[in-house]
PDB file of all heavy atoms in Angstrom:
ATOM      1  N   GLY A   1     110.797  36.400 -66.761  1.00  0.00           N
ATOM      2  CA  GLY A   1     109.739  36.172 -67.737  1.00  0.00           C
ATOM      3  C   GLY A   1     109.819  34.794 -68.350  1.00  0.00           C
ATOM      4  O   GLY A   1     110.890  34.205 -68.476  1.00  0.00           O
ATOM      5  N   ILE A   2     108.653  34.245 -68.725  1.00  0.00           N
ATOM      6  CA  ILE A   2     108.597  32.941 -69.365  1.00  0.00           C
ATOM      7  C   ILE A   2     109.406  32.951 -70.655  1.00  0.00           C
ATOM      8  O   ILE A   2     110.114  31.999 -70.979  1.00  0.00           O
ATOM      9  CB  ILE A   2     107.134  32.543 -69.644  1.00  0.00           C
ATOM     10  CG1 ILE A   2     106.402  32.250 -68.332  1.00  0.00           C
ATOM     11  CG2 ILE A   2     107.071  31.325 -70.561  1.00  0.00           C
ATOM     12  CD1 ILE A   2     104.942  31.934 -68.500  1.00  0.00           C
ATOM     13  N   GLU A   3     109.314  34.054 -71.402  1.00  0.00           N
ATOM     14  CA  GLU A   3     110.035  34.149 -72.667  1.00  0.00           C
ATOM     15  C   GLU A   3     111.537  34.038 -72.455  1.00  0.00           C
ATOM     16  O   GLU A   3     112.233  33.341 -73.212  1.00  0.00           O
ATOM     17  CB  GLU A   3     109.702  35.467 -73.383  1.00  0.00           C
ATOM     18  CG  GLU A   3     108.255  35.612 -73.809  1.00  0.00           C
ATOM     19  CD  GLU A   3     107.349  36.098 -72.686  1.00  0.00           C
ATOM     20  OE1 GLU A   3     107.874  36.328 -71.564  1.00  0.00           O
ATOM     21  OE2 GLU A   3     106.134  36.237 -72.917  1.00  0.00           O
ATOM     22  N   ASP A   4     112.047  34.692 -71.414  1.00  0.00           N
ATOM     23  CA  ASP A   4     113.481  34.619 -71.136  1.00  0.00           C
ATOM     24  C   ASP A   4     113.896  33.211 -70.720  1.00  0.00           C
ATOM     25  O   ASP A   4     114.952  32.708 -71.126  1.00  0.00           O
ATOM     26  CB  ASP A   4     113.857  35.610 -70.027  1.00  0.00           C
ATOM     27  CG  ASP A   4     113.742  37.057 -70.480  1.00  0.00           C
ATOM     28  OD1 ASP A   4     113.839  37.295 -71.698  1.00  0.00           O
ATOM     29  OD2 ASP A   4     113.547  37.935 -69.623  1.00  0.00           O
ATOM     30  N   THR A   5     113.053  32.562 -69.907  1.00  0.00           N
ATOM     31  CA  THR A   5     113.360  31.196 -69.490  1.00  0.00           C
ATOM     32  C   THR A   5     113.381  30.263 -70.687  1.00  0.00           C
ATOM     33  O   THR A   5     114.288  29.436 -70.828  1.00  0.00           O
ATOM     34  CB  THR A   5     112.312  30.701 -68.469  1.00  0.00           C
ATOM     35  OG1 THR A   5     112.333  31.553 -67.327  1.00  0.00           O
ATOM     36  CG2 THR A   5     112.600  29.274 -68.046  1.00  0.00           C
ATOM     37  N   ALA A   6     112.368  30.381 -71.557  1.00  0.00           N
ATOM     38  CA  ALA A   6     112.311  29.548 -72.757  1.00  0.00           C
ATOM     39  C   ALA A   6     113.530  29.802 -73.639  1.00  0.00           C
ATOM     40  O   ALA A   6     114.103  28.865 -74.207  1.00  0.00           O
ATOM     41  CB  ALA A   6     111.025  29.829 -73.527  1.00  0.00           C
ATOM     42  N   ARG A   7     113.946  31.059 -73.738  1.00  0.00           N
ATOM     43  CA  ARG A   7     115.103  31.391 -74.573  1.00  0.00           C
ATOM     44  C   ARG A   7     116.374  30.759 -74.004  1.00  0.00           C
ATOM     45  O   ARG A   7     117.197  30.209 -74.749  1.00  0.00           O
ATOM     46  CB  ARG A   7     115.259  32.907 -74.645  1.00  0.00           C
ATOM     47  CG  ARG A   7     116.461  33.369 -75.463  1.00  0.00           C
ATOM     48  CD  ARG A   7     116.484  34.878 -75.596  1.00  0.00           C
ATOM     49  NE  ARG A   7     116.422  35.540 -74.302  1.00  0.00           N
ATOM     50  CZ  ARG A   7     117.478  35.720 -73.509  1.00  0.00           C
ATOM     51  NH1 ARG A   7     118.671  35.284 -73.881  1.00  0.00           N
ATOM     52  NH2 ARG A   7     117.345  36.329 -72.348  1.00  0.00           N
ATOM     53  N   ILE A   8     116.535  30.812 -72.683  1.00  0.00           N
ATOM     54  CA  ILE A   8     117.725  30.232 -72.052  1.00  0.00           C
ATOM     55  C   ILE A   8     117.769  28.719 -72.262  1.00  0.00           C
ATOM     56  O   ILE A   8     118.811  28.151 -72.630  1.00  0.00           O
ATOM     57  CB  ILE A   8     117.755  30.580 -70.556  1.00  0.00           C
ATOM     58  CG1 ILE A   8     118.129  32.055 -70.375  1.00  0.00           C
ATOM     59  CG2 ILE A   8     118.741  29.697 -69.810  1.00  0.00           C
ATOM     60  CD1 ILE A   8     118.021  32.534 -68.948  1.00  0.00           C
ATOM     61  N   LEU A   9     116.635  28.055 -72.031  1.00  0.00           N
ATOM     62  CA  LEU A   9     116.595  26.611 -72.232  1.00  0.00           C
ATOM     63  C   LEU A   9     116.832  26.259 -73.697  1.00  0.00           C
ATOM     64  O   LEU A   9     117.518  25.282 -74.010  1.00  0.00           O
ATOM     65  CB  LEU A   9     115.254  26.046 -71.755  1.00  0.00           C
ATOM     66  CG  LEU A   9     115.001  26.072 -70.245  1.00  0.00           C
ATOM     67  CD1 LEU A   9     113.631  25.482 -69.931  1.00  0.00           C
ATOM     68  CD2 LEU A   9     116.076  25.319 -69.493  1.00  0.00           C
ATOM     69  N   GLY A  10     116.276  27.070 -74.600  1.00  0.00           N
ATOM     70  CA  GLY A  10     116.486  26.839 -76.027  1.00  0.00           C
ATOM     71  C   GLY A  10     117.938  26.996 -76.427  1.00  0.00           C
ATOM     72  O   GLY A  10     118.475  26.198 -77.204  1.00  0.00           O
ATOM     73  N   LEU A  11     118.591  28.023 -75.898  1.00  0.00           N
ATOM     74  CA  LEU A  11     120.006  28.239 -76.212  1.00  0.00           C
ATOM     75  C   LEU A  11     120.878  27.127 -75.634  1.00  0.00           C
ATOM     76  O   LEU A  11     121.855  26.691 -76.261  1.00  0.00           O
ATOM     77  CB  LEU A  11     120.457  29.605 -75.670  1.00  0.00           C
ATOM     78  CG  LEU A  11     119.923  30.832 -76.415  1.00  0.00           C
ATOM     79  CD1 LEU A  11     120.327  32.115 -75.691  1.00  0.00           C
ATOM     80  CD2 LEU A  11     120.443  30.859 -77.859  1.00  0.00           C
ATOM     81  N   LEU A  12     120.535  26.663 -74.428  1.00  0.00           N
ATOM     82  CA  LEU A  12     121.275  25.555 -73.822  1.00  0.00           C
ATOM     83  C   LEU A  12     121.128  24.301 -74.672  1.00  0.00           C
ATOM     84  O   LEU A  12     122.112  23.589 -74.941  1.00  0.00           O
ATOM     85  CB  LEU A  12     120.761  25.309 -72.407  1.00  0.00           C
ATOM     86  CG  LEU A  12     121.392  24.149 -71.621  1.00  0.00           C
ATOM     87  CD1 LEU A  12     122.893  24.342 -71.474  1.00  0.00           C
ATOM     88  CD2 LEU A  12     120.733  24.009 -70.252  1.00  0.00           C
ATOM     89  N   TYR A  13     119.915  24.031 -75.113  1.00  0.00           N
ATOM     90  CA  TYR A  13     119.624  22.875 -75.968  1.00  0.00           C
ATOM     91  C   TYR A  13     120.381  22.979 -77.289  1.00  0.00           C
ATOM     92  O   TYR A  13     120.996  22.005 -77.755  1.00  0.00           O
ATOM     93  CB  TYR A  13     118.114  22.833 -76.207  1.00  0.00           C
ATOM     94  CG  TYR A  13     117.580  21.636 -76.942  1.00  0.00           C
ATOM     95  CD1 TYR A  13     117.535  20.381 -76.339  1.00  0.00           C
ATOM     96  CD2 TYR A  13     117.071  21.757 -78.228  1.00  0.00           C
ATOM     97  CE1 TYR A  13     117.001  19.289 -76.996  1.00  0.00           C
ATOM     98  CE2 TYR A  13     116.537  20.674 -78.898  1.00  0.00           C
ATOM     99  CZ  TYR A  13     116.505  19.439 -78.270  1.00  0.00           C
ATOM    100  OH  TYR A  13     115.976  18.357 -78.927  1.00  0.00           O
ATOM    101  N   LEU A  14     120.369  24.154 -77.880  1.00  0.00           N
ATOM    102  CA  LEU A  14     121.088  24.388 -79.138  1.00  0.00           C
ATOM    103  C   LEU A  14     122.590  24.238 -78.939  1.00  0.00           C
ATOM    104  O   LEU A  14     123.287  23.640 -79.779  1.00  0.00           O
ATOM    105  CB  LEU A  14     120.755  25.785 -79.668  1.00  0.00           C
ATOM    106  CG  LEU A  14     121.375  26.183 -81.013  1.00  0.00           C
ATOM    107  CD1 LEU A  14     120.872  25.265 -82.126  1.00  0.00           C
ATOM    108  CD2 LEU A  14     121.029  27.640 -81.345  1.00  0.00           C
ATOM    109  N   GLY A  15     123.099  24.765 -77.825  1.00  0.00           N
ATOM    110  CA  GLY A  15     124.528  24.664 -77.544  1.00  0.00           C
ATOM    111  C   GLY A  15     124.979  23.231 -77.369  1.00  0.00           C
ATOM    112  O   GLY A  15     126.045  22.832 -77.880  1.00  0.00           O
ATOM    113  N   LEU A  16     124.194  22.429 -76.658  1.00  0.00           N
ATOM    114  CA  LEU A  16     124.540  21.016 -76.474  1.00  0.00           C
ATOM    115  C   LEU A  16     124.514  20.275 -77.805  1.00  0.00           C
ATOM    116  O   LEU A  16     125.369  19.408 -78.068  1.00  0.00           O
ATOM    117  CB  LEU A  16     123.568  20.363 -75.492  1.00  0.00           C
ATOM    118  CG  LEU A  16     123.707  20.772 -74.022  1.00  0.00           C
ATOM    119  CD1 LEU A  16     122.549  20.209 -73.206  1.00  0.00           C
ATOM    120  CD2 LEU A  16     125.037  20.288 -73.454  1.00  0.00           C
ATOM    121  N   THR A  17     123.537  20.610 -78.647  1.00  0.00           N
ATOM    122  CA  THR A  17     123.454  19.974 -79.967  1.00  0.00           C
ATOM    123  C   THR A  17     124.673  20.324 -80.814  1.00  0.00           C
ATOM    124  O   THR A  17     125.263  19.451 -81.471  1.00  0.00           O
ATOM    125  CB  THR A  17     122.171  20.406 -80.695  1.00  0.00           C
ATOM    126  OG1 THR A  17     121.034  20.139 -79.870  1.00  0.00           O
ATOM    127  CG2 THR A  17     122.018  19.669 -82.008  1.00  0.00           C
ATOM    128  N   ALA A  18     125.050  21.596 -80.804  1.00  0.00           N
ATOM    129  CA  ALA A  18     126.220  22.029 -81.573  1.00  0.00           C
ATOM    130  C   ALA A  18     127.488  21.347 -81.064  1.00  0.00           C
ATOM    131  O   ALA A  18     128.344  20.919 -81.856  1.00  0.00           O
ATOM    132  CB  ALA A  18     126.360  23.547 -81.494  1.00  0.00           C
ATOM    133  N   ALA A  19     127.608  21.223 -79.746  1.00  0.00           N
ATOM    134  CA  ALA A  19     128.784  20.558 -79.160  1.00  0.00           C
ATOM    135  C   ALA A  19     128.834  19.090 -79.572  1.00  0.00           C
ATOM    136  O   ALA A  19     129.908  18.561 -79.912  1.00  0.00           O
ATOM    137  CB  ALA A  19     128.751  20.688 -77.647  1.00  0.00           C
ATOM    138  N   ALA A  20     127.679  18.426 -79.555  1.00  0.00           N
ATOM    139  CA  ALA A  20     127.634  17.018 -79.958  1.00  0.00           C
ATOM    140  C   ALA A  20     128.029  16.857 -81.421  1.00  0.00           C
ATOM    141  O   ALA A  20     128.806  15.957 -81.774  1.00  0.00           O
ATOM    142  CB  ALA A  20     126.234  16.455 -79.724  1.00  0.00           C
ATOM    143  N   ALA A  21     127.501  17.734 -82.283  1.00  0.00           N
ATOM    144  CA  ALA A  21     127.834  17.663 -83.712  1.00  0.00           C
ATOM    145  C   ALA A  21     129.327  17.887 -83.926  1.00  0.00           C
ATOM    146  O   ALA A  21     129.971  17.188 -84.728  1.00  0.00           O
ATOM    147  CB  ALA A  21     127.022  18.681 -84.492  1.00  0.00           C
ATOM    148  N   ALA A  22     129.895  18.854 -83.219  1.00  0.00           N
ATOM    149  CA  ALA A  22     131.319  19.167 -83.372  1.00  0.00           C
ATOM    150  C   ALA A  22     132.188  18.005 -82.930  1.00  0.00           C
ATOM    151  O   ALA A  22     133.175  17.651 -83.604  1.00  0.00           O
ATOM    152  CB  ALA A  22     131.657  20.422 -82.577  1.00  0.00           C
ATOM    153  N   ILE A  23     131.849  17.390 -81.815  1.00  0.00           N
ATOM    154  CA  ILE A  23     132.644  16.268 -81.303  1.00  0.00           C
ATOM    155  C   ILE A  23     132.553  15.069 -82.248  1.00  0.00           C
ATOM    156  O   ILE A  23     133.569  14.420 -82.566  1.00  0.00           O
ATOM    157  CB  ILE A  23     132.180  15.886 -79.889  1.00  0.00           C
ATOM    158  CG1 ILE A  23     132.551  17.006 -78.907  1.00  0.00           C
ATOM    159  CG2 ILE A  23     132.802  14.564 -79.443  1.00  0.00           C
ATOM    160  CD1 ILE A  23     131.972  16.829 -77.521  1.00  0.00           C
ATOM    161  N   LEU A  24     131.349  14.764 -82.715  1.00  0.00           N
ATOM    162  CA  LEU A  24     131.191  13.632 -83.631  1.00  0.00           C
ATOM    163  C   LEU A  24     131.940  13.869 -84.937  1.00  0.00           C
ATOM    164  O   LEU A  24     132.604  12.962 -85.469  1.00  0.00           O
ATOM    165  CB  LEU A  24     129.703  13.386 -83.903  1.00  0.00           C
ATOM    166  CG  LEU A  24     128.877  12.845 -82.732  1.00  0.00           C
ATOM    167  CD1 LEU A  24     127.415  12.740 -83.109  1.00  0.00           C
ATOM    168  CD2 LEU A  24     129.402  11.494 -82.269  1.00  0.00           C
TER     169      LEU A  24
END
């Protein structure tokens, strides 16, 4: 489903952002 795909991409985007914030 489109909703599931959007959710996965959103979570990946959020995870990368959190990782960047933590490293900085």
